[in-house]
Amino acid sequence: MSLKDRITEDMKSAMRAKDAPRLSTIRLLLAACKQKEVDERIVLDDAMVVAIVDKLIKQRKDSIAQFAAAGRTDLVDKESAELPVLEAYLPARMSAEQVAAEVAKLVAELGASGPGDMGKVMGAAKAKLAGTADMGTVSAAVKQALAK
C-alpha cells in the first residue's frame, strides 16, 4: 500500500470516527498532493508525498511561532494539533548524532573545507538525506562540520 493510499484510508476512518480535526488535516494533505499532481501532471510516489508532508510540517511550525508571537493561542492550539497528524506520515527520523556522522562522511567524500563549500555539501546532503532527516538539523551539522 502506497503512502497516498494509506492517507486516503486514514481519511475514511477519520470520517467514520467523526474526528473533525484529524479529518480536516488529512484533507489538507490530500489537497496538497492533488495540487502537486495537477500542476506538474505527474503521479506522486512515496518520496514526493513525504516531501509534501515535510513542507506542511515546516509551514505549521512557522505558523506556530508567528501566532505565538502575536498572542493568538487559539491558532497556536489548532496548528499544534495538526502537527502530530502530519508527522505520523513521515518515516523514522535520524537522530542528530546520525545526521552528524552522515554529514562528516559527505564532507570527506566531497573534500569540502570552509564555509564556502556549504552549498555543495548541502546539495549532496539534501539528495541523500531528504525524507529521513530534518533539513534544519542537517544544515546545522554541515555548518558545524565546515567550521572545523
Protein backbone atom coordinates (compact mmCIF):
# COMPACT_ATOMS: atom_id res chain seq x y z
CA MET A 1 0.00 0.00 0.00
CA SER A 2 1.44 3.34 -1.03
CA LEU A 3 1.62 6.24 1.39
CA LYS A 4 -1.05 8.12 -0.54
CA ASP A 5 -3.40 5.11 -0.28
CA ARG A 6 -2.72 4.92 3.46
CA ILE A 7 -3.58 8.60 3.84
CA THR A 8 -6.83 8.05 1.94
CA GLU A 9 -7.73 5.10 4.18
CA ASP A 10 -6.95 7.20 7.26
CA MET A 11 -9.28 9.90 5.91
CA LYS A 12 -12.08 7.35 5.61
CA SER A 13 -11.51 6.08 9.14
CA ALA A 14 -11.48 9.68 10.47
CA MET A 15 -14.81 10.24 8.71
CA ARG A 16 -16.29 7.14 10.31
CA ALA A 17 -14.98 8.16 13.74
CA LYS A 18 -16.29 11.72 13.25
CA ASP A 19 -12.85 13.04 14.19
CA ALA A 20 -13.17 16.51 12.62
CA PRO A 21 -9.72 17.97 13.45
CA ARG A 22 -7.91 14.88 12.14
CA LEU A 23 -10.15 14.74 9.09
CA SER A 24 -9.51 18.37 8.15
CA THR A 25 -5.74 17.88 8.45
CA ILE A 26 -5.79 14.77 6.29
CA ARG A 27 -7.97 16.51 3.71
CA LEU A 28 -5.50 19.40 3.67
CA LEU A 29 -2.67 16.94 3.00
CA LEU A 30 -4.57 15.17 0.23
CA ALA A 31 -5.44 18.53 -1.36
CA ALA A 32 -1.75 19.49 -1.38
CA CYS A 33 -0.90 16.14 -3.02
CA LYS A 34 -3.63 16.56 -5.63
CA GLN A 35 -2.50 20.13 -6.34
CA LYS A 36 1.06 18.91 -6.98
CA GLU A 37 -0.21 16.16 -9.29
CA VAL A 38 -2.39 18.55 -11.29
CA ASP A 39 0.22 21.32 -11.52
CA GLU A 40 3.02 19.05 -12.70
CA ARG A 41 0.90 16.39 -14.46
CA ILE A 42 2.55 13.55 -12.57
CA VAL A 43 1.55 10.75 -10.22
CA LEU A 44 3.17 11.16 -6.81
CA ASP A 45 5.34 8.41 -5.39
CA ASP A 46 6.00 7.97 -1.68
CA ALA A 47 9.12 10.18 -1.70
CA MET A 48 7.17 13.07 -3.20
CA VAL A 49 4.37 12.64 -0.67
CA VAL A 50 6.95 12.70 2.16
CA ALA A 51 8.35 15.94 0.70
CA ILE A 52 4.86 17.47 0.75
CA VAL A 53 4.33 16.32 4.34
CA ASP A 54 7.71 17.85 5.27
CA LYS A 55 6.68 21.13 3.66
CA LEU A 56 3.35 21.20 5.50
CA ILE A 57 5.07 20.44 8.83
CA LYS A 58 7.53 23.29 8.25
CA GLN A 59 4.60 25.61 7.49
CA ARG A 60 2.87 24.56 10.71
CA LYS A 61 6.00 25.18 12.80
CA ASP A 62 6.48 28.62 11.22
CA SER A 63 2.81 29.44 11.81
CA ILE A 64 3.01 28.36 15.44
CA ALA A 65 5.97 30.68 16.00
CA GLN A 66 4.18 33.60 14.32
CA PHE A 67 0.89 33.03 16.13
CA ALA A 68 2.65 32.66 19.49
CA ALA A 69 4.45 35.95 18.92
CA ALA A 70 1.10 37.60 18.14
CA GLY A 71 -0.55 36.06 21.21
CA ARG A 72 -3.08 34.01 19.22
CA THR A 73 -3.26 30.93 21.43
CA ASP A 74 -6.38 29.66 19.64
CA LEU A 75 -4.48 29.41 16.36
CA VAL A 76 -1.39 28.02 18.08
CA ASP A 77 -3.54 25.20 19.51
CA LYS A 78 -5.08 24.46 16.09
CA GLU A 79 -1.71 24.31 14.32
CA SER A 80 -0.17 22.30 17.17
CA ALA A 81 -2.97 19.73 16.88
CA GLU A 82 -2.25 19.31 13.15
CA LEU A 83 1.47 18.59 13.68
CA PRO A 84 1.19 15.04 15.13
CA VAL A 85 -1.30 14.04 12.42
CA LEU A 86 1.15 15.10 9.71
CA GLU A 87 4.21 13.69 11.48
CA ALA A 88 2.57 10.25 11.51
CA TYR A 89 3.15 10.03 7.75
CA LEU A 90 6.89 10.64 7.93
CA PRO A 91 9.39 7.80 8.03
CA ALA A 92 11.51 7.39 11.16
CA ARG A 93 13.83 10.37 11.55
CA MET A 94 17.59 10.16 12.02
CA SER A 95 18.99 11.36 15.33
CA ALA A 96 21.30 14.38 15.50
CA GLU A 97 24.29 12.07 16.00
CA GLN A 98 23.41 10.02 12.91
CA VAL A 99 22.99 13.20 10.87
CA ALA A 100 26.37 14.50 12.06
CA ALA A 101 28.02 11.18 11.08
CA GLU A 102 26.45 11.25 7.60
CA VAL A 103 27.45 14.88 7.09
CA ALA A 104 31.02 14.10 8.16
CA LYS A 105 31.15 11.33 5.54
CA LEU A 106 29.81 13.68 2.86
CA VAL A 107 32.33 16.40 3.75
CA ALA A 108 35.14 13.85 3.48
CA GLU A 109 33.83 12.46 0.16
CA LEU A 110 33.47 15.91 -1.39
CA GLY A 111 36.73 17.20 0.06
CA ALA A 112 34.89 20.27 1.34
CA SER A 113 36.57 22.72 3.64
CA GLY A 114 35.35 26.02 4.96
CA PRO A 115 32.02 27.82 4.81
CA GLY A 116 32.41 28.47 1.06
CA ASP A 117 31.58 24.82 0.33
CA MET A 118 28.29 24.90 2.26
CA GLY A 119 26.16 24.89 -0.91
CA LYS A 120 27.98 21.92 -2.39
CA VAL A 121 27.67 19.87 0.80
CA MET A 122 24.02 20.87 1.37
CA GLY A 123 23.13 19.83 -2.19
CA ALA A 124 24.63 16.38 -1.66
CA ALA A 125 23.11 16.12 1.82
CA LYS A 126 19.65 17.06 0.57
CA ALA A 127 19.83 14.40 -2.14
CA LYS A 128 20.99 11.74 0.31
CA LEU A 129 19.05 12.59 3.48
CA ALA A 130 15.78 14.10 2.21
CA GLY A 131 12.83 12.49 3.95
CA THR A 132 14.94 10.77 6.59
CA ALA A 133 16.34 13.79 8.41
CA ASP A 134 15.15 17.26 9.32
CA MET A 135 16.93 19.62 6.95
CA GLY A 136 17.36 22.24 9.68
CA THR A 137 19.37 19.69 11.67
CA VAL A 138 21.34 18.79 8.54
CA SER A 139 22.14 22.44 7.89
CA ALA A 140 23.37 22.94 11.45
CA ALA A 141 25.53 19.80 11.18
CA VAL A 142 27.03 20.99 7.87
CA LYS A 143 27.85 24.40 9.37
CA GLN A 144 29.50 22.73 12.33
CA ALA A 145 31.47 20.28 10.17
CA LEU A 146 32.74 23.02 7.85
CA ALA A 147 33.68 25.32 10.74
CA LYS A 148 36.28 22.82 11.97
